[in-house]
C-alpha cells in the first residue's frame, strides 16, 4: 500500500485582539501583507473535516473564517508559526530584511582618528 504524502501547512499561534485569547490556526499560505511591514497575511485556511471527533474551537473558527479571503495579523500578536508536513520549503517573504548587513561602529569610523 502506497503511503499518502502529507500536505504542508502552517500552524499559526497568535493572541486574538478582541479578548486576548491565545488561538491556533492552520493555513496553507503565509506571506507578507499588503498592509505594511508589520503585518503578515494568512490565507487558504485548513480545517479538519475527516475527524469523527468534533472540536468546538475549530468549529467556531470555521464559522468565523468562512468567506474570509485573507487574515492580516500584526507581527506583534503572532506567537509562533510552525511549518508542518514532509514537503515544506520554508517561509519566504518578498520584503524580507533579515539579510541586511549592519556595520559595527568600528568599521564606520575612518581610521586614524
Protein backbone atom coordinates (compact mmCIF):
# COMPACT_ATOMS: atom_id res chain seq x y z
CA UNK A 1 0.00 0.00 0.00
CA UNK A 2 1.43 3.36 -1.01
CA UNK A 3 1.95 5.91 1.75
CA UNK A 4 -0.11 9.07 1.20
CA UNK A 5 2.08 12.15 1.06
CA UNK A 6 1.32 14.58 3.88
CA UNK A 7 0.34 18.05 2.74
CA UNK A 8 2.36 21.00 4.02
CA UNK A 9 0.56 23.67 6.04
CA UNK A 10 1.38 26.28 8.70
CA UNK A 11 0.20 26.27 12.30
CA UNK A 12 -0.03 29.91 13.39
CA UNK A 13 -0.35 30.64 17.11
CA UNK A 14 -1.44 34.19 17.88
CA UNK A 15 -3.09 36.36 20.52
CA UNK A 16 -6.58 37.48 19.49
CA UNK A 17 -7.01 41.26 19.72
CA UNK A 18 -10.69 41.01 20.77
CA UNK A 19 -10.35 39.04 24.00
CA UNK A 20 -6.57 38.42 24.34
CA UNK A 21 -7.05 34.65 23.97
CA UNK A 22 -4.21 32.59 22.51
CA UNK A 23 -5.51 30.81 19.40
CA UNK A 24 -4.06 28.48 16.78
CA UNK A 25 -5.00 28.46 13.12
CA UNK A 26 -3.95 26.18 10.24
CA UNK A 27 -3.36 27.66 6.80
CA UNK A 28 -1.68 26.74 3.52
CA UNK A 29 -0.28 30.20 2.78
CA UNK A 30 1.62 32.69 4.94
CA UNK A 31 3.09 35.73 3.20
CA UNK A 32 3.95 39.38 3.71
CA UNK A 33 0.89 41.60 3.87
CA UNK A 34 -0.04 44.45 1.56
CA UNK A 35 -0.87 46.47 4.70
CA UNK A 36 2.78 47.06 5.54
CA UNK A 37 5.90 45.55 7.06
CA UNK A 38 4.37 44.93 10.49
CA UNK A 39 1.63 42.61 9.16
CA UNK A 40 1.54 39.01 7.92
CA UNK A 41 -1.18 37.75 5.55
CA UNK A 42 -2.62 34.30 6.18
CA UNK A 43 -4.88 32.57 3.64
CA UNK A 44 -6.19 29.20 2.46
CA UNK A 45 -7.30 28.08 5.92
CA UNK A 46 -7.20 24.36 6.73
CA UNK A 47 -9.87 22.73 8.90
CA UNK A 48 -10.07 19.05 9.85
CA UNK A 49 -13.09 17.63 8.05
CA UNK A 50 -12.16 13.93 8.24
CA UNK A 51 -12.21 13.54 12.03
CA UNK A 52 -15.12 11.85 13.76
CA UNK A 53 -14.50 13.88 16.94
CA UNK A 54 -15.75 17.47 16.75
CA UNK A 55 -13.50 20.16 18.21
CA UNK A 56 -15.73 23.11 19.33
CA UNK A 57 -12.90 25.66 18.97
CA UNK A 58 -12.15 24.55 15.42
CA UNK A 59 -15.86 24.64 14.54
CA UNK A 60 -16.05 28.22 15.86
CA UNK A 61 -13.01 29.18 13.76
CA UNK A 62 -14.51 27.51 10.70
CA UNK A 63 -17.64 29.66 11.06
CA UNK A 64 -15.60 32.79 11.87
CA UNK A 65 -13.32 32.48 8.82
CA UNK A 66 -15.98 31.25 6.39
CA UNK A 67 -15.79 33.58 3.39
CA UNK A 68 -12.59 35.30 4.63
CA UNK A 69 -10.11 35.61 1.78
CA UNK A 70 -7.10 36.62 3.87
CA UNK A 71 -6.38 37.37 7.54
CA UNK A 72 -3.84 40.13 8.22
CA UNK A 73 -2.21 39.76 11.64
CA UNK A 74 0.20 42.17 13.31
CA UNK A 75 3.62 40.62 13.85
CA UNK A 76 3.28 41.68 17.48
CA UNK A 77 0.26 39.41 18.01
CA UNK A 78 1.90 36.34 16.43
CA UNK A 79 3.49 33.99 18.95
CA UNK A 80 4.77 31.32 16.55
CA UNK A 81 4.48 29.94 13.02
CA UNK A 82 5.21 26.24 12.61
CA UNK A 83 5.56 24.56 9.24
CA UNK A 84 4.02 21.09 9.28
CA UNK A 85 4.39 18.38 6.65
CA UNK A 86 7.03 16.39 4.81
CA UNK A 87 7.45 18.63 1.79
CA UNK A 88 7.98 22.01 3.45
CA UNK A 89 10.18 24.61 1.78
CA UNK A 90 10.29 27.32 4.46
CA UNK A 91 8.75 30.76 4.54
CA UNK A 92 9.93 33.32 2.03
CA UNK A 93 8.83 36.95 2.27
CA UNK A 94 9.14 39.39 -0.63
CA UNK A 95 10.11 42.29 1.66
CA UNK A 96 12.40 40.24 3.92
CA UNK A 97 15.04 42.45 5.58
CA UNK A 98 16.77 39.66 7.52
CA UNK A 99 19.78 39.54 5.20
CA UNK A 100 20.78 43.19 5.76
CA UNK A 101 24.40 43.70 6.79
CA UNK A 102 24.91 46.04 9.75
CA UNK A 103 28.35 47.52 10.09
CA UNK A 104 29.75 47.87 13.58
CA UNK A 105 30.67 51.33 14.84
CA UNK A 106 34.38 50.43 14.47
CA UNK A 107 34.01 49.83 10.73
CA UNK A 108 32.07 53.05 10.13
CA UNK A 109 34.64 55.46 11.55
CA UNK A 110 37.65 56.35 9.41
CA UNK A 111 40.96 55.00 10.73
CA UNK A 112 43.49 57.38 12.17
CA UNK A 113 41.07 59.44 14.26
